[in-house]
Amino acid sequence: MKFSKYNIIHTTENQEHILFNSLWGSTFVISPSVKQAIESSNPTLLTEEENRLFIKYNALIPDEYNESCIYNHFYNKSRYGKKCLTATVLLTWSCNFRCIYCYEGAGELRCENMTKNRAGAIANFLIKCSEEQRGELIHVVLFGGEPLLNIDVGFHMLGILKEYCLTSHKELQCSLVTNGSLLTEEIVSGLLNYNCKFVQITLDGPEYIHNCRRVAKDGSGTFQKVLHGITIMEEFCSQIHTYIRINVDKNNVDSIPMLLDTLKDLGISHSQVDFGITRDSTSACSSYKSNCLPEEYLPDILNELWKYSEANMFSKYPQPMRKWTYCGLFDEYSFTFSPLGELYKCWEMVGDNKHKMGYIKDDGTLTDVTFAYYDWLSIDPLKEPDCSDCKYLPICGGGCRMLSYRQTGTYHAAGCEKVKGVIEKQIEVYVRRQVQFQNN
């Protein structure tokens, strides 16, 4: 027998030792002697009961087991075995905001809108893919720029897909990522007509902070307009889930509790808060790099934000979870489209020709397929030295490949982000709560 290579040992400030197996999710509070046995790769130091439990929960496995094969199975199943097709559609490059960290250039580097003809071509492409996939669900994320500046074209595309799904007995879903300033009850009702599942709206701090970061094109503050959009979504809380996205960096991290207090005082009670880490994603926002939080600070910062958010009923503290791929954009049938009908995988790629993977013709066929398409689909963390034997692999999926590209010039390298150190905080909170539950 041998210990799993996916065993993670975390020692708390109270010198309590926790074992978490990232492949199977099994968790134990362990003694110093067990910790020594694992770190010395010596299972003979375990008691008979410890041996039995570790075998039962896959922390101890037969010598002939190759755990990489198990991970590989779930990884491929996640990428190629789903019945859902997902499309992120940039309806426009234009935006009515000029956010200081915008990775798209705040709609000033490009301003093209998607036309109805182009939206129809993309819809036809998605229909062909759904037939090829034998899928059961199509999910469209309306994105921008600010997508509400061109929402009629988004509804046109969704209308084509809805008709197809009704006749093919498939489910259509949509979602919206917006700055929230242009939301109306009429628009939300239109989204409901296409089975909208969630809307994401960004607030970056109390009014005086937000208005310095997410500025209207005329230089005015946007906090009150965004708050009005959130208030509208609260009225539809039984039908659409709302996420309030807070982009976190050095300039606003200390003010976020004040924002949550403000939202609570205003009666915002049906929206869930989600924290994003601001980073220099593209050349358009590279000048913002000095304001981004160093990776080593994230465990403590996110831990405190998650706790405060949960205490104010805005979200639950996240549990450690397996993630076979870093994000859904690894899936074979997951796409991102520019307003001109160019095909990409990740929305951070859009507009960068070296990441462009093809183009959708008027008849909905994919043409001009580039090497980047096949390069992305060939990503395999098990073939990469930094990932293949990493004990965190089943909970990070190899990391963000746009991050790895910026750091190394290739998709085929680890893109570690928000995992090491962060997962240990999640494990510690999870175990503490399980112990409290059992004691009660």
Protein backbone atom coordinates (compact mmCIF):
# COMPACT_ATOMS: atom_id res chain seq x y z
CA MET A 1 0.00 0.00 0.00
CA LYS A 2 1.02 3.62 -0.55
CA PHE A 3 -0.30 7.02 0.38
CA SER A 4 -2.25 8.94 -2.23
CA LYS A 5 -0.21 11.60 -4.00
CA TYR A 6 -3.24 13.88 -3.64
CA ASN A 7 -3.11 14.01 0.17
CA ILE A 8 -2.83 17.60 1.42
CA ILE A 9 -1.83 18.17 5.06
CA HIS A 10 -2.70 21.49 6.65
CA THR A 11 -1.56 22.50 10.13
CA THR A 12 -3.66 25.17 11.79
CA GLU A 13 -2.41 27.93 14.08
CA ASN A 14 -3.52 25.72 16.98
CA GLN A 15 -1.22 22.95 15.70
CA GLU A 16 -4.15 20.80 14.66
CA HIS A 17 -3.34 18.63 11.63
CA ILE A 18 -5.93 18.16 8.87
CA LEU A 19 -5.64 15.72 5.98
CA PHE A 20 -7.61 16.48 2.81
CA ASN A 21 -7.54 14.25 -0.27
CA SER A 22 -8.09 16.46 -3.29
CA LEU A 23 -9.01 13.59 -5.62
CA TRP A 24 -11.84 12.15 -3.52
CA GLY A 25 -12.66 14.94 -1.08
CA SER A 26 -12.10 12.84 2.05
CA THR A 27 -11.07 14.84 5.11
CA PHE A 28 -9.57 13.77 8.47
CA VAL A 29 -8.24 15.39 11.59
CA ILE A 30 -5.01 13.47 12.14
CA SER A 31 -2.49 12.98 14.94
CA PRO A 32 1.18 14.01 14.76
CA SER A 33 2.11 10.34 14.35
CA VAL A 34 -0.15 9.97 11.30
CA LYS A 35 1.26 13.18 9.84
CA GLN A 36 4.74 11.73 10.29
CA ALA A 37 3.69 8.48 8.61
CA ILE A 38 2.35 10.32 5.57
CA GLU A 39 5.29 12.71 5.24
CA SER A 40 7.75 9.82 5.53
CA SER A 41 5.69 7.67 3.09
CA ASN A 42 5.60 4.87 5.67
CA PRO A 43 2.09 3.33 6.01
CA THR A 44 3.40 0.74 8.47
CA LEU A 45 3.33 3.46 11.14
CA LEU A 46 -0.49 3.56 11.00
CA THR A 47 -2.65 1.71 13.49
CA GLU A 48 -5.00 -0.97 12.21
CA GLU A 49 -8.00 1.39 12.50
CA GLU A 50 -6.20 4.24 10.76
CA ASN A 51 -5.17 1.86 8.00
CA ARG A 52 -8.77 0.70 7.54
CA LEU A 53 -10.18 4.22 7.39
CA PHE A 54 -7.53 5.51 4.99
CA ILE A 55 -8.11 2.60 2.62
CA LYS A 56 -11.88 3.12 2.77
CA TYR A 57 -11.57 6.79 1.82
CA ASN A 58 -8.70 6.44 -0.68
CA ALA A 59 -6.03 8.27 1.30
CA LEU A 60 -4.16 4.94 1.23
CA ILE A 61 -4.20 2.98 -2.03
CA PRO A 62 -2.71 -0.21 -3.54
CA ASP A 63 0.81 0.14 -4.92
CA GLU A 64 -0.30 -0.64 -8.47
CA TYR A 65 -2.83 2.21 -8.60
CA ASN A 66 -1.93 5.08 -10.92
CA GLU A 67 -4.04 7.94 -9.67
CA SER A 68 -3.24 9.99 -12.76
CA CYS A 69 -5.44 7.58 -14.72
CA ILE A 70 -8.34 8.32 -12.39
CA TYR A 71 -7.88 12.07 -12.72
CA ASN A 72 -7.51 11.71 -16.49
CA HIS A 73 -10.87 9.92 -16.68
CA PHE A 74 -12.73 12.69 -14.87
CA TYR A 75 -10.81 15.40 -16.74
CA ASN A 76 -11.78 13.99 -20.15
CA LYS A 77 -15.34 13.35 -19.02
CA SER A 78 -15.61 16.98 -17.94
CA ARG A 79 -14.25 18.28 -21.25
CA TYR A 80 -15.94 15.92 -23.68
CA GLY A 81 -18.81 14.20 -21.88
CA LYS A 82 -21.23 17.03 -21.15
CA LYS A 83 -24.60 17.49 -22.81
CA CYS A 84 -24.48 21.28 -22.41
CA LEU A 85 -23.27 23.75 -25.04
CA THR A 86 -22.15 27.12 -23.67
CA ALA A 87 -21.60 30.31 -25.67
CA THR A 88 -20.35 33.65 -24.35
CA VAL A 89 -21.42 36.29 -26.86
CA LEU A 90 -19.97 39.81 -26.93
CA LEU A 91 -22.90 41.80 -28.28
CA THR A 92 -20.77 44.92 -28.50
CA TRP A 93 -17.35 46.33 -27.74
CA SER A 94 -18.97 49.60 -26.72
CA CYS A 95 -19.47 50.53 -23.10
CA ASN A 96 -21.00 53.45 -21.22
CA PHE A 97 -18.39 53.06 -18.44
CA ARG A 98 -14.67 53.72 -18.37
CA CYS A 99 -13.49 51.40 -15.58
CA ILE A 100 -9.89 51.99 -14.55
CA TYR A 101 -8.90 48.30 -14.81
CA CYS A 102 -10.92 47.27 -17.87
CA TYR A 103 -9.13 44.53 -19.82
CA GLU A 104 -11.11 45.39 -22.96
CA GLY A 105 -10.06 49.04 -23.07
CA ALA A 106 -13.42 50.39 -21.86
CA GLY A 107 -14.93 50.32 -25.37
CA GLU A 108 -12.46 52.91 -26.61
CA LEU A 109 -10.03 50.61 -28.45
CA ARG A 110 -12.95 49.02 -30.36
CA CYS A 111 -16.59 49.99 -30.63
CA GLU A 112 -18.21 47.54 -33.09
CA ASN A 113 -21.72 46.21 -32.43
CA MET A 114 -22.87 42.74 -33.43
CA THR A 115 -25.44 42.85 -36.24
CA LYS A 116 -28.59 40.72 -36.40
CA ASN A 117 -27.14 38.90 -39.41
CA ARG A 118 -24.00 38.03 -37.45
CA ALA A 119 -26.09 36.98 -34.43
CA GLY A 120 -28.15 34.74 -36.68
CA ALA A 121 -25.00 33.15 -38.12
CA ILE A 122 -23.69 32.41 -34.61
CA ALA A 123 -27.08 30.97 -33.61
CA ASN A 124 -26.97 28.66 -36.64
CA PHE A 125 -23.44 27.60 -35.71
CA LEU A 126 -24.61 26.76 -32.18
CA ILE A 127 -27.53 24.76 -33.56
CA LYS A 128 -25.15 22.73 -35.75
CA CYS A 129 -22.88 22.12 -32.75
CA SER A 130 -25.82 21.04 -30.58
CA GLU A 131 -26.86 18.53 -33.24
CA GLU A 132 -23.29 17.24 -33.51
CA GLN A 133 -22.98 17.05 -29.72
CA ARG A 134 -26.43 15.47 -29.31
CA GLY A 135 -26.78 17.95 -26.51
CA GLU A 136 -29.69 18.62 -24.22
CA LEU A 137 -29.01 22.23 -23.21
CA ILE A 138 -27.79 25.47 -24.80
CA HIS A 139 -26.68 28.25 -22.45
CA VAL A 140 -25.87 31.71 -23.83
CA VAL A 141 -24.03 34.31 -21.74
CA LEU A 142 -24.75 37.84 -22.96
CA PHE A 143 -21.52 39.78 -22.56
CA GLY A 144 -19.79 42.95 -23.72
CA GLY A 145 -18.60 45.72 -23.57
CA GLU A 146 -21.92 46.57 -22.04
CA PRO A 147 -24.36 44.07 -23.59
CA LEU A 148 -27.46 46.15 -22.79
CA LEU A 149 -26.29 48.71 -25.37
CA ASN A 150 -27.16 46.10 -28.02
CA ILE A 151 -29.63 43.87 -26.20
CA ASP A 152 -32.10 43.72 -29.13
CA VAL A 153 -29.52 41.74 -31.11
CA GLY A 154 -29.05 39.44 -28.12
CA PHE A 155 -32.81 38.82 -27.98
CA HIS A 156 -32.79 38.18 -31.74
CA MET A 157 -30.20 35.43 -31.30
CA LEU A 158 -32.02 33.95 -28.33
CA GLY A 159 -35.25 33.94 -30.33
CA ILE A 160 -33.69 31.78 -33.04
CA LEU A 161 -32.28 29.40 -30.45
CA LYS A 162 -35.55 29.24 -28.53
CA GLU A 163 -37.44 28.18 -31.63
CA TYR A 164 -34.86 25.46 -32.32
CA CYS A 165 -34.91 24.19 -28.74
CA LEU A 166 -38.72 24.03 -28.64
CA THR A 167 -38.87 21.92 -31.81
CA SER A 168 -35.88 19.77 -30.76
CA HIS A 169 -37.03 19.22 -27.16
CA LYS A 170 -33.94 20.85 -25.71
CA GLU A 171 -33.55 23.42 -22.98
CA LEU A 172 -32.42 26.99 -23.63
CA GLN A 173 -30.91 29.08 -20.84
CA CYS A 174 -29.30 32.48 -20.83
CA SER A 175 -27.49 34.77 -18.40
CA LEU A 176 -26.28 38.35 -18.44
CA VAL A 177 -23.04 40.01 -17.34
CA THR A 178 -23.71 43.75 -17.08
CA ASN A 179 -22.59 46.86 -15.27
CA GLY A 180 -26.24 47.20 -14.21
CA SER A 181 -26.70 50.88 -15.09
CA LEU A 182 -29.10 50.29 -18.00
CA LEU A 183 -31.28 47.59 -16.47
CA THR A 184 -35.04 48.09 -16.68
CA GLU A 185 -38.01 45.94 -15.75
CA GLU A 186 -38.75 45.58 -19.47
CA ILE A 187 -35.29 44.16 -20.15
CA VAL A 188 -35.54 41.72 -17.24
CA SER A 189 -38.93 40.54 -18.49
CA GLY A 190 -37.35 40.00 -21.90
CA LEU A 191 -34.59 37.90 -20.31
CA LEU A 192 -37.19 35.79 -18.52
CA ASN A 193 -38.72 34.96 -21.90
CA TYR A 194 -35.48 33.10 -22.64
CA ASN A 195 -35.14 31.30 -19.31
CA CYS A 196 -32.54 33.61 -17.77
CA LYS A 197 -30.81 31.91 -14.84
CA PHE A 198 -28.63 34.68 -13.45
CA VAL A 199 -27.51 38.26 -13.84
CA GLN A 200 -24.10 39.48 -12.70
CA ILE A 201 -23.69 43.13 -11.71
CA THR A 202 -20.48 44.74 -10.44
CA LEU A 203 -20.11 47.04 -7.43
CA ASP A 204 -16.57 47.82 -6.32
CA GLY A 205 -17.02 49.38 -2.92
CA PRO A 206 -18.92 52.10 -1.08
CA GLU A 207 -20.09 54.97 -3.26
CA TYR A 208 -16.94 57.08 -2.86
CA ILE A 209 -14.72 54.11 -3.82
CA HIS A 210 -16.90 52.69 -6.60
CA ASN A 211 -17.24 56.09 -8.26
CA CYS A 212 -13.45 56.38 -8.54
CA ARG A 213 -13.13 52.96 -10.20
CA ARG A 214 -16.21 52.42 -12.34
CA VAL A 215 -16.73 55.80 -13.96
CA ALA A 216 -19.20 56.85 -16.64
CA LYS A 217 -17.80 58.07 -19.95
CA ASP A 218 -18.54 61.66 -18.91
CA GLY A 219 -16.56 61.19 -15.68
CA SER A 220 -19.59 61.03 -13.41
CA GLY A 221 -20.14 58.43 -10.69
CA THR A 222 -22.19 55.33 -11.41
CA PHE A 223 -22.89 53.88 -7.95
CA GLN A 224 -26.52 55.03 -7.70
CA LYS A 225 -27.36 53.81 -11.22
CA VAL A 226 -25.85 50.40 -10.51
CA LEU A 227 -27.63 50.20 -7.17
CA HIS A 228 -30.91 50.96 -8.95
CA GLY A 229 -30.23 48.02 -11.28
CA ILE A 230 -29.62 45.73 -8.33
CA THR A 231 -32.86 46.95 -6.74
CA ILE A 232 -34.74 46.02 -9.92
CA MET A 233 -33.22 42.55 -9.85
CA GLU A 234 -34.28 42.14 -6.20
CA GLU A 235 -37.89 42.40 -7.40
CA PHE A 236 -37.32 39.37 -9.66
CA CYS A 237 -35.45 37.34 -7.02
CA SER A 238 -37.83 34.38 -7.22
CA GLN A 239 -37.16 34.02 -10.95
CA ILE A 240 -33.55 35.11 -11.59
CA HIS A 241 -30.52 34.77 -9.35
CA THR A 242 -28.42 37.91 -8.97
CA TYR A 243 -24.69 37.96 -8.28
CA ILE A 244 -23.04 41.15 -7.07
CA ARG A 245 -19.47 40.95 -8.32
CA ILE A 246 -16.84 42.83 -6.32
CA ASN A 247 -13.45 43.17 -8.03
CA VAL A 248 -10.84 43.24 -5.28
CA ASP A 249 -7.41 44.87 -5.29
CA LYS A 250 -5.18 46.97 -3.06
CA ASN A 251 -7.27 50.10 -3.55
CA ASN A 252 -10.62 48.82 -2.31
CA VAL A 253 -10.02 45.69 -0.21
CA ASP A 254 -10.32 47.53 3.12
CA SER A 255 -13.60 49.19 2.14
CA ILE A 256 -15.52 46.07 1.14
CA PRO A 257 -17.03 45.41 4.61
CA MET A 258 -18.42 48.96 4.47
CA LEU A 259 -20.04 48.16 1.11
CA LEU A 260 -21.66 45.02 2.48
CA ASP A 261 -22.95 46.99 5.47
CA THR A 262 -24.43 49.56 3.09
CA LEU A 263 -26.17 46.90 1.00
CA LYS A 264 -27.59 45.30 4.12
CA ASP A 265 -28.85 48.66 5.42
CA LEU A 266 -30.53 49.31 2.06
CA GLY A 267 -32.41 46.01 2.29
CA ILE A 268 -30.53 44.15 -0.46
CA SER A 269 -31.15 40.62 0.77
CA HIS A 270 -31.70 38.36 -2.23
CA SER A 271 -28.43 38.88 -4.10
CA GLN A 272 -25.30 36.81 -3.64
CA VAL A 273 -21.88 38.42 -3.38
CA ASP A 274 -18.97 37.04 -5.39
CA PHE A 275 -15.39 38.28 -5.02
CA GLY A 276 -13.17 38.55 -8.08
CA ILE A 277 -9.45 39.30 -7.96
CA THR A 278 -8.42 42.15 -10.24
CA ARG A 279 -5.45 41.26 -12.43
CA ASP A 280 -3.62 42.62 -15.45
CA SER A 281 -5.38 40.33 -17.91
CA THR A 282 -4.50 42.03 -21.18
CA SER A 283 -2.35 44.81 -22.59
CA ALA A 284 -5.32 47.16 -22.21
CA CYS A 285 -5.09 46.95 -18.42
CA SER A 286 -1.39 46.16 -17.96
CA SER A 287 -0.78 49.58 -16.41
CA TYR A 288 -2.97 48.51 -13.47
CA LYS A 289 -0.63 45.71 -12.42
CA SER A 290 0.88 47.55 -9.44
CA ASN A 291 -2.58 47.76 -7.87
CA CYS A 292 -3.20 44.01 -8.01
CA LEU A 293 -2.90 41.92 -4.86
CA PRO A 294 0.07 39.53 -4.67
CA GLU A 295 -0.96 35.87 -4.79
CA GLU A 296 0.47 35.17 -1.33
CA TYR A 297 -1.93 37.70 0.24
CA LEU A 298 -5.07 36.10 -1.16
CA PRO A 299 -5.62 33.29 1.39
CA ASP A 300 -5.98 35.65 4.34
CA ILE A 301 -7.85 38.32 2.38
CA LEU A 302 -10.41 35.97 0.83
CA ASN A 303 -10.84 34.15 4.13
CA GLU A 304 -11.84 37.37 5.89
CA LEU A 305 -14.08 38.55 3.03
CA TRP A 306 -15.88 35.21 2.83
CA LYS A 307 -16.47 35.22 6.58
CA TYR A 308 -17.82 38.77 6.58
CA SER A 309 -20.04 38.12 3.57
CA GLU A 310 -21.51 35.01 5.17
CA ALA A 311 -22.07 36.78 8.49
CA ASN A 312 -24.15 39.35 6.60
CA MET A 313 -26.11 36.67 4.72
CA PHE A 314 -24.73 37.53 1.26
CA SER A 315 -23.05 34.19 0.56
CA LYS A 316 -21.95 30.96 2.16
CA TYR A 317 -18.31 30.35 2.97
CA PRO A 318 -17.09 28.19 0.05
CA GLN A 319 -16.27 24.56 0.77
CA PRO A 320 -13.26 22.81 -0.78
CA MET A 321 -14.39 21.18 -3.98
CA ARG A 322 -13.00 19.20 -6.87
CA LYS A 323 -12.60 20.97 -10.19
CA TRP A 324 -11.41 18.69 -12.96
CA THR A 325 -10.86 21.64 -15.30
CA TYR A 326 -10.10 25.20 -14.24
CA CYS A 327 -13.23 26.58 -15.89
CA GLY A 328 -15.97 25.66 -18.36
CA LEU A 329 -14.04 27.21 -21.25
CA PHE A 330 -11.96 24.02 -21.40
CA ASP A 331 -15.03 22.11 -22.61
CA GLU A 332 -15.11 21.04 -26.23
CA TYR A 333 -18.47 22.71 -26.80
CA SER A 334 -17.77 25.99 -25.04
CA PHE A 335 -17.17 29.07 -27.17
CA THR A 336 -16.72 32.83 -27.01
CA PHE A 337 -17.67 35.09 -29.92
CA SER A 338 -16.60 38.63 -30.76
CA PRO A 339 -19.14 41.13 -32.17
CA LEU A 340 -17.72 40.37 -35.62
CA GLY A 341 -18.30 36.62 -35.33
CA GLU A 342 -14.72 35.63 -34.52
CA LEU A 343 -14.37 32.48 -32.43
CA TYR A 344 -12.29 32.31 -29.27
CA LYS A 345 -12.31 30.15 -26.17
CA CYS A 346 -11.83 32.65 -23.34
CA TRP A 347 -13.32 36.15 -23.19
CA GLU A 348 -9.90 37.48 -22.15
CA MET A 349 -8.68 36.41 -25.60
CA VAL A 350 -11.22 38.34 -27.61
CA GLY A 351 -9.69 40.88 -29.95
CA ASP A 352 -6.20 39.38 -29.74
CA ASN A 353 -5.49 37.78 -33.11
CA LYS A 354 -2.95 35.31 -31.79
CA HIS A 355 -5.74 33.67 -29.79
CA LYS A 356 -8.39 33.84 -32.52
CA MET A 357 -9.49 30.31 -33.40
CA GLY A 358 -11.80 30.80 -36.37
CA TYR A 359 -14.63 32.77 -37.91
CA ILE A 360 -18.35 32.07 -38.29
CA LYS A 361 -19.57 32.48 -41.86
CA ASP A 362 -23.02 33.80 -42.75
CA ASP A 363 -24.38 30.26 -43.10
CA GLY A 364 -23.22 29.32 -39.59
CA THR A 365 -20.20 27.25 -40.59
CA LEU A 366 -16.82 27.60 -38.93
CA THR A 367 -14.01 28.65 -41.24
CA ASP A 368 -10.41 29.87 -41.04
CA VAL A 369 -9.69 27.54 -38.10
CA THR A 370 -6.28 28.37 -36.65
CA PHE A 371 -3.68 26.32 -34.78
CA ALA A 372 -4.73 28.07 -31.54
CA TYR A 373 -8.00 26.10 -31.61
CA TYR A 374 -6.24 22.74 -31.64
CA ASP A 375 -3.55 23.99 -29.28
CA TRP A 376 -6.19 24.88 -26.69
CA LEU A 377 -8.08 21.61 -27.08
CA SER A 378 -4.84 19.65 -26.58
CA ILE A 379 -4.21 21.11 -23.10
CA ASP A 380 -3.39 18.20 -20.77
CA PRO A 381 -2.19 19.00 -17.24
CA LEU A 382 -0.87 15.45 -16.84
CA LYS A 383 1.73 16.15 -19.54
CA GLU A 384 3.02 19.26 -17.77
CA PRO A 385 5.74 18.84 -15.11
CA ASP A 386 4.34 21.47 -12.74
CA CYS A 387 0.88 19.88 -12.79
CA SER A 388 1.25 16.14 -13.33
CA ASP A 389 2.20 15.26 -9.76
CA CYS A 390 0.81 18.34 -8.02
CA LYS A 391 -1.43 17.42 -5.10
CA TYR A 392 -3.69 20.39 -5.90
CA LEU A 393 -4.47 19.28 -9.48
CA PRO A 394 -7.97 17.82 -8.84
CA ILE A 395 -9.10 21.11 -7.26
CA CYS A 396 -7.58 23.51 -9.79
CA GLY A 397 -7.60 21.60 -13.07
CA GLY A 398 -4.21 22.99 -14.04
CA GLY A 399 -5.13 26.61 -13.47
CA CYS A 400 -5.98 29.52 -15.77
CA ARG A 401 -4.36 29.03 -19.16
CA MET A 402 -4.60 32.68 -20.11
CA LEU A 403 -2.57 33.40 -17.00
CA SER A 404 -0.03 30.76 -18.01
CA TYR A 405 0.13 32.20 -21.54
CA ARG A 406 0.91 35.66 -20.22
CA GLN A 407 3.60 34.26 -17.95
CA THR A 408 5.18 31.68 -20.28
CA GLY A 409 3.91 32.29 -23.81
CA THR A 410 2.09 28.93 -23.98
CA TYR A 411 -1.21 27.38 -22.92
CA HIS A 412 0.74 24.31 -21.82
CA ALA A 413 1.98 25.45 -18.42
CA ALA A 414 0.51 25.73 -14.95
CA GLY A 415 -1.63 28.81 -14.38
CA CYS A 416 -1.76 28.68 -10.58
CA GLU A 417 -4.22 31.17 -9.11
CA LYS A 418 -6.29 31.36 -5.92
CA VAL A 419 -5.60 27.74 -4.92
CA LYS A 420 -2.50 27.18 -2.82
CA GLY A 421 -3.10 28.59 0.63
CA VAL A 422 -6.72 29.41 -0.21
CA ILE A 423 -7.84 25.77 -0.19
CA GLU A 424 -6.20 25.28 3.22
CA LYS A 425 -8.36 28.08 4.65
CA GLN A 426 -11.46 26.43 3.20
CA ILE A 427 -10.47 23.04 4.61
CA GLU A 428 -9.91 24.48 8.07
CA VAL A 429 -13.30 26.21 8.16
CA TYR A 430 -15.04 23.12 6.78
CA VAL A 431 -13.54 20.82 9.42
CA ARG A 432 -14.27 23.22 12.26
CA ARG A 433 -17.91 23.41 11.24
CA GLN A 434 -18.25 19.66 10.85
CA VAL A 435 -16.86 19.17 14.35
CA GLN A 436 -19.28 21.78 15.73
CA PHE A 437 -22.19 20.11 13.94
CA GLN A 438 -21.32 16.69 15.34
CA ASN A 439 -20.90 18.09 18.84
CA ASN A 440 -24.36 19.64 18.67
